[in-house]
C-alpha atoms as a PDB file:
ATOM      1  CA  UNK A   1     -48.869 -48.614   9.413  1.00  0.00           C
ATOM      2  CA  UNK A   2     -49.678 -52.156   7.418  1.00  0.00           C
ATOM      3  CA  UNK A   3     -49.823 -53.896  10.972  1.00  0.00           C
ATOM      4  CA  UNK A   4     -51.464 -51.272  12.604  1.00  0.00           C
ATOM      5  CA  UNK A   5     -54.437 -51.028   9.961  1.00  0.00           C
ATOM      6  CA  UNK A   6     -54.487 -54.949   9.739  1.00  0.00           C
ATOM      7  CA  UNK A   7     -54.826 -54.950  13.525  1.00  0.00           C
ATOM      8  CA  UNK A   8     -57.995 -52.653  13.406  1.00  0.00           C
ATOM      9  CA  UNK A   9     -59.235 -54.554  10.323  1.00  0.00           C
ATOM     10  CA  UNK A  10     -58.824 -58.084  11.706  1.00  0.00           C
ATOM     11  CA  UNK A  11     -60.563 -57.090  15.202  1.00  0.00           C
ATOM     12  CA  UNK A  12     -63.339 -55.571  13.380  1.00  0.00           C
ATOM     13  CA  UNK A  13     -64.015 -58.923  11.299  1.00  0.00           C
ATOM     14  CA  UNK A  14     -63.771 -60.961  14.413  1.00  0.00           C
ATOM     15  CA  UNK A  15     -66.099 -58.586  16.710  1.00  0.00           C
ATOM     16  CA  UNK A  16     -69.634 -59.469  15.971  1.00  0.00           C
ATOM     17  CA  UNK A  17     -71.001 -56.058  16.709  1.00  0.00           C
ATOM     18  CA  UNK A  18     -68.643 -54.009  14.929  1.00  0.00           C
ATOM     19  CA  UNK A  19     -69.598 -52.496  11.702  1.00  0.00           C
ATOM     20  CA  UNK A  20     -68.165 -54.432   8.684  1.00  0.00           C
ATOM     21  CA  UNK A  21     -64.983 -53.216   6.930  1.00  0.00           C
ATOM     22  CA  UNK A  22     -65.417 -51.820   3.700  1.00  0.00           C
ATOM     23  CA  UNK A  23     -61.815 -50.716   2.771  1.00  0.00           C
ATOM     24  CA  UNK A  24     -58.481 -50.850   4.573  1.00  0.00           C
ATOM     25  CA  UNK A  25     -55.587 -48.695   3.106  1.00  0.00           C
ATOM     26  CA  UNK A  26     -52.149 -47.548   4.064  1.00  0.00           C
ATOM     27  CA  UNK A  27     -52.252 -44.462   2.015  1.00  0.00           C
ATOM     28  CA  UNK A  28     -51.747 -41.757   4.223  1.00  0.00           C
ATOM     29  CA  UNK A  29     -54.946 -39.487   4.320  1.00  0.00           C
ATOM     30  CA  UNK A  30     -54.792 -36.308   6.634  1.00  0.00           C
ATOM     31  CA  UNK A  31     -52.798 -36.799   9.656  1.00  0.00           C
ATOM     32  CA  UNK A  32     -53.169 -40.697   9.641  1.00  0.00           C
ATOM     33  CA  UNK A  33     -50.885 -43.081   8.028  1.00  0.00           C
ATOM     34  CA  UNK A  34     -53.596 -45.134   6.759  1.00  0.00           C
ATOM     35  CA  UNK A  35     -57.285 -46.109   7.827  1.00  0.00           C
ATOM     36  CA  UNK A  36     -59.985 -48.912   8.307  1.00  0.00           C
ATOM     37  CA  UNK A  37     -63.363 -47.739   6.801  1.00  0.00           C
ATOM     38  CA  UNK A  38     -66.157 -49.016   8.236  1.00  0.00           C
ATOM     39  CA  UNK A  39     -69.870 -48.671   7.570  1.00  0.00           C
ATOM     40  CA  UNK A  40     -72.907 -49.907   9.328  1.00  0.00           C
ATOM     41  CA  UNK A  41     -75.436 -52.258   7.175  1.00  0.00           C
ATOM     42  CA  UNK A  42     -78.145 -50.423   8.670  1.00  0.00           C
ATOM     43  CA  UNK A  43     -79.128 -47.220  10.505  1.00  0.00           C
ATOM     44  CA  UNK A  44     -78.107 -47.283  13.914  1.00  0.00           C
ATOM     45  CA  UNK A  45     -80.551 -45.130  16.335  1.00  0.00           C
ATOM     46  CA  UNK A  46     -79.838 -47.027  19.441  1.00  0.00           C
ATOM     47  CA  UNK A  47     -76.586 -48.883  20.302  1.00  0.00           C
ATOM     48  CA  UNK A  48     -76.046 -51.526  23.117  1.00  0.00           C
ATOM     49  CA  UNK A  49     -72.994 -52.116  25.438  1.00  0.00           C
ATOM     50  CA  UNK A  50     -71.567 -54.795  23.348  1.00  0.00           C
ATOM     51  CA  UNK A  51     -71.455 -52.475  20.277  1.00  0.00           C
ATOM     52  CA  UNK A  52     -69.536 -50.094  22.396  1.00  0.00           C
ATOM     53  CA  UNK A  53     -67.104 -52.684  23.813  1.00  0.00           C
ATOM     54  CA  UNK A  54     -66.677 -53.920  20.252  1.00  0.00           C
ATOM     55  CA  UNK A  55     -65.552 -50.671  18.775  1.00  0.00           C
ATOM     56  CA  UNK A  56     -63.303 -49.728  21.608  1.00  0.00           C
ATOM     57  CA  UNK A  57     -61.706 -53.374  21.118  1.00  0.00           C
ATOM     58  CA  UNK A  58     -61.078 -52.368  17.296  1.00  0.00           C
ATOM     59  CA  UNK A  59     -59.950 -49.116  18.321  1.00  0.00           C
ATOM     60  CA  UNK A  60     -57.109 -50.823  20.315  1.00  0.00           C
ATOM     61  CA  UNK A  61     -56.242 -53.204  17.471  1.00  0.00           C
ATOM     62  CA  UNK A  62     -53.567 -51.026  15.673  1.00  0.00           C
ATOM     63  CA  UNK A  63     -51.747 -50.442  19.091  1.00  0.00           C
ATOM     64  CA  UNK A  64     -52.071 -54.224  20.082  1.00  0.00           C
ATOM     65  CA  UNK A  65     -50.945 -55.379  16.732  1.00  0.00           C
ATOM     66  CA  UNK A  66     -47.682 -52.900  17.022  1.00  0.00           C
ATOM     67  CA  UNK A  67     -47.211 -54.583  20.553  1.00  0.00           C
ATOM     68  CA  UNK A  68     -47.372 -57.844  18.983  1.00  0.00           C
ATOM     69  CA  UNK A  69     -45.288 -58.021  16.142  1.00  0.00           C
ATOM     70  CA  UNK A  70     -42.709 -54.961  17.110  1.00  0.00           C
ATOM     71  CA  UNK A  71     -42.712 -55.490  20.826  1.00  0.00           C
ATOM     72  CA  UNK A  72     -43.134 -51.743  21.140  1.00  0.00           C
ATOM     73  CA  UNK A  73     -45.894 -48.981  20.350  1.00  0.00           C
ATOM     74  CA  UNK A  74     -45.673 -45.978  18.187  1.00  0.00           C
ATOM     75  CA  UNK A  75     -47.823 -42.508  18.291  1.00  0.00           C
ATOM     76  CA  UNK A  76     -49.956 -43.817  15.535  1.00  0.00           C
ATOM     77  CA  UNK A  77     -52.721 -44.872  17.890  1.00  0.00           C
ATOM     78  CA  UNK A  78     -53.182 -41.361  19.501  1.00  0.00           C
ATOM     79  CA  UNK A  79     -56.413 -40.703  17.582  1.00  0.00           C
ATOM     80  CA  UNK A  80     -57.625 -44.293  18.405  1.00  0.00           C
ATOM     81  CA  UNK A  81     -56.926 -43.801  22.000  1.00  0.00           C
ATOM     82  CA  UNK A  82     -58.739 -40.276  22.139  1.00  0.00           C
ATOM     83  CA  UNK A  83     -61.844 -41.858  20.492  1.00  0.00           C
ATOM     84  CA  UNK A  84     -61.725 -45.002  22.657  1.00  0.00           C
ATOM     85  CA  UNK A  85     -61.516 -43.110  25.703  1.00  0.00           C
ATOM     86  CA  UNK A  86     -64.492 -40.756  24.733  1.00  0.00           C
ATOM     87  CA  UNK A  87     -66.767 -43.864  24.077  1.00  0.00           C
ATOM     88  CA  UNK A  88     -65.794 -45.868  27.290  1.00  0.00           C
ATOM     89  CA  UNK A  89     -66.302 -42.377  29.549  1.00  0.00           C
ATOM     90  CA  UNK A  90     -69.611 -41.830  27.658  1.00  0.00           C
ATOM     91  CA  UNK A  91     -70.661 -45.467  28.567  1.00  0.00           C
ATOM     92  CA  UNK A  92     -70.152 -44.529  32.283  1.00  0.00           C
ATOM     93  CA  UNK A  93     -71.153 -40.842  32.374  1.00  0.00           C
ATOM     94  CA  UNK A  94     -73.853 -40.479  29.722  1.00  0.00           C
ATOM     95  CA  UNK A  95     -75.445 -43.732  28.874  1.00  0.00           C
ATOM     96  CA  UNK A  96     -75.478 -45.623  32.205  1.00  0.00           C
ATOM     97  CA  UNK A  97     -73.633 -48.603  30.872  1.00  0.00           C
ATOM     98  CA  UNK A  98     -71.552 -49.270  33.726  1.00  0.00           C
ATOM     99  CA  UNK A  99     -72.332 -52.237  36.292  1.00  0.00           C
ATOM    100  CA  UNK A 100     -70.206 -50.391  38.930  1.00  0.00           C
ATOM    101  CA  UNK A 101     -71.872 -46.824  38.426  1.00  0.00           C
ATOM    102  CA  UNK A 102     -75.232 -47.889  37.617  1.00  0.00           C
ATOM    103  CA  UNK A 103     -77.863 -46.325  35.145  1.00  0.00           C
ATOM    104  CA  UNK A 104     -77.104 -42.724  36.136  1.00  0.00           C
ATOM    105  CA  UNK A 105     -75.716 -39.877  34.238  1.00  0.00           C
ATOM    106  CA  UNK A 106     -72.690 -38.088  35.792  1.00  0.00           C
ATOM    107  CA  UNK A 107     -72.245 -34.293  34.790  1.00  0.00           C
ATOM    108  CA  UNK A 108     -74.801 -32.023  33.426  1.00  0.00           C
ATOM    109  CA  UNK A 109     -74.158 -32.081  29.571  1.00  0.00           C
ATOM    110  CA  UNK A 110     -75.359 -29.228  27.768  1.00  0.00           C
ATOM    111  CA  UNK A 111     -75.097 -28.552  24.102  1.00  0.00           C
ATOM    112  CA  UNK A 112     -72.828 -25.456  23.407  1.00  0.00           C
ATOM    113  CA  UNK A 113     -71.507 -24.499  20.080  1.00  0.00           C
ATOM    114  CA  UNK A 114     -69.100 -21.945  20.687  1.00  0.00           C
ATOM    115  CA  UNK A 115     -65.513 -21.371  19.522  1.00  0.00           C
ATOM    116  CA  UNK A 116     -65.688 -24.847  18.225  1.00  0.00           C
ATOM    117  CA  UNK A 117     -67.069 -26.692  21.268  1.00  0.00           C
ATOM    118  CA  UNK A 118     -69.994 -28.882  20.730  1.00  0.00           C
ATOM    119  CA  UNK A 119     -70.469 -30.155  24.101  1.00  0.00           C
ATOM    120  CA  UNK A 120     -69.725 -28.902  27.445  1.00  0.00           C
ATOM    121  CA  UNK A 121     -69.814 -30.929  30.619  1.00  0.00           C
ATOM    122  CA  UNK A 122     -70.431 -29.219  33.978  1.00  0.00           C
ATOM    123  CA  UNK A 123     -69.055 -31.704  36.879  1.00  0.00           C
ATOM    124  CA  UNK A 124     -71.919 -32.037  39.548  1.00  0.00           C
ATOM    125  CA  UNK A 125     -70.292 -34.689  41.237  1.00  0.00           C
ATOM    126  CA  UNK A 126     -67.774 -35.282  44.001  1.00  0.00           C
ATOM    127  CA  UNK A 127     -64.043 -36.418  43.827  1.00  0.00           C
ATOM    128  CA  UNK A 128     -64.621 -39.522  45.060  1.00  0.00           C
ATOM    129  CA  UNK A 129     -67.123 -40.073  42.118  1.00  0.00           C
ATOM    130  CA  UNK A 130     -64.586 -38.743  39.678  1.00  0.00           C
ATOM    131  CA  UNK A 131     -62.084 -41.148  40.801  1.00  0.00           C
ATOM    132  CA  UNK A 132     -64.808 -44.296  40.589  1.00  0.00           C
ATOM    133  CA  UNK A 133     -65.569 -42.764  37.033  1.00  0.00           C
ATOM    134  CA  UNK A 134     -61.987 -42.829  36.077  1.00  0.00           C
ATOM    135  CA  UNK A 135     -61.420 -46.287  37.680  1.00  0.00           C
ATOM    136  CA  UNK A 136     -64.579 -47.641  35.676  1.00  0.00           C
ATOM    137  CA  UNK A 137     -63.292 -45.972  32.297  1.00  0.00           C
ATOM    138  CA  UNK A 138     -60.012 -47.839  33.108  1.00  0.00           C
ATOM    139  CA  UNK A 139     -61.769 -51.142  33.777  1.00  0.00           C
ATOM    140  CA  UNK A 140     -63.618 -51.062  30.327  1.00  0.00           C
ATOM    141  CA  UNK A 141     -60.532 -50.050  28.354  1.00  0.00           C
ATOM    142  CA  UNK A 142     -58.377 -52.790  30.229  1.00  0.00           C
ATOM    143  CA  UNK A 143     -61.201 -55.366  29.227  1.00  0.00           C
ATOM    144  CA  UNK A 144     -61.231 -54.252  25.920  1.00  0.00           C
ATOM    145  CA  UNK A 145     -57.303 -54.525  25.605  1.00  0.00           C
ATOM    146  CA  UNK A 146     -57.313 -57.900  26.959  1.00  0.00           C
ATOM    147  CA  UNK A 147     -59.788 -59.140  24.636  1.00  0.00           C
ATOM    148  CA  UNK A 148     -57.919 -57.594  21.641  1.00  0.00           C
ATOM    149  CA  UNK A 149     -54.631 -59.033  22.688  1.00  0.00           C
ATOM    150  CA  UNK A 150     -56.279 -62.406  22.935  1.00  0.00           C
ATOM    151  CA  UNK A 151     -58.157 -62.184  19.616  1.00  0.00           C
ATOM    152  CA  UNK A 152     -54.936 -60.876  17.974  1.00  0.00           C
ATOM    153  CA  UNK A 153     -52.810 -63.471  19.387  1.00  0.00           C
ATOM    154  CA  UNK A 154     -55.155 -66.478  18.492  1.00  0.00           C
ATOM    155  CA  UNK A 155     -55.665 -64.930  14.770  1.00  0.00           C
ATOM    156  CA  UNK A 156     -51.776 -63.979  14.189  1.00  0.00           C
ATOM    157  CA  UNK A 157     -51.801 -65.574  10.847  1.00  0.00           C
ATOM    158  CA  UNK A 158     -54.682 -63.448   9.834  1.00  0.00           C
ATOM    159  CA  UNK A 159     -52.889 -60.412  11.009  1.00  0.00           C
ATOM    160  CA  UNK A 160     -49.643 -61.174   9.107  1.00  0.00           C
ATOM    161  CA  UNK A 161     -51.649 -62.126   5.755  1.00  0.00           C
ATOM    162  CA  UNK A 162     -53.601 -58.621   5.880  1.00  0.00           C
ATOM    163  CA  UNK A 163     -50.493 -56.687   6.578  1.00  0.00           C
ATOM    164  CA  UNK A 164     -48.557 -58.356   3.849  1.00  0.00           C
ATOM    165  CA  UNK A 165     -51.560 -57.747   1.424  1.00  0.00           C
ATOM    166  CA  UNK A 166     -51.676 -54.291   2.414  1.00  0.00           C
ATOM    167  CA  UNK A 167     -47.846 -53.926   1.887  1.00  0.00           C
ATOM    168  CA  UNK A 168     -48.254 -55.514  -1.689  1.00  0.00           C
ATOM    169  CA  UNK A 169     -51.317 -53.639  -2.734  1.00  0.00           C
ATOM    170  CA  UNK A 170     -51.693 -50.645  -0.251  1.00  0.00           C
ATOM    171  CA  UNK A 171     -55.479 -50.696  -0.341  1.00  0.00           C
ATOM    172  CA  UNK A 172     -58.052 -53.741   0.011  1.00  0.00           C
ATOM    173  CA  UNK A 173     -61.485 -53.213  -0.778  1.00  0.00           C
ATOM    174  CA  UNK A 174     -64.056 -55.210   1.064  1.00  0.00           C
ATOM    175  CA  UNK A 175     -63.923 -58.328  -1.136  1.00  0.00           C
ATOM    176  CA  UNK A 176     -60.217 -58.270  -1.425  1.00  0.00           C
ATOM    177  CA  UNK A 177     -60.026 -58.103   2.548  1.00  0.00           C
ATOM    178  CA  UNK A 178     -62.752 -60.970   3.016  1.00  0.00           C
ATOM    179  CA  UNK A 179     -60.563 -63.205   0.743  1.00  0.00           C
ATOM    180  CA  UNK A 180     -57.215 -62.447   2.435  1.00  0.00           C
ATOM    181  CA  UNK A 181     -58.840 -62.808   5.892  1.00  0.00           C
ATOM    182  CA  UNK A 182     -60.416 -66.220   4.778  1.00  0.00           C
ATOM    183  CA  UNK A 183     -56.842 -67.696   3.875  1.00  0.00           C
ATOM    184  CA  UNK A 184     -55.884 -68.659   7.476  1.00  0.00           C
END
């Protein structure tokens, strides 16, 4: 858990468009073994492609850290994977942020609050377009994964330092995290 959360935190610090880390903890909360709390420094009405790519990269940080340190992955990244997949799919189908698919919306997006569902999407495109969407989502996630792996590999000592600090103290506030991050 310490390395998983350290992976998220280190990438959040390294990705320029990521919101700053306010707190990192390995104290379990809800279904999570720990978490990184990031808060925007300003209100965000609009977000650009770089912001989404940085957030997908950060979301992959826990899984990539586990792979680098332990040579294996746990199910701890399941919620991260769900969120990053939704972000990548929204980039392609809702925000027109795909170079391949262009500035188009795919699927009729209807607001619907019914039995806990907030958004319903009606598919209005062919199976070929669906495959192209899936391919583009995969390309976005693969690019973010490669970036996460490269950044964490290049900053392995920072990853170790943050994980060790979490093992010692369980929780780091913004100032403590910045101090540990700056050591290597």
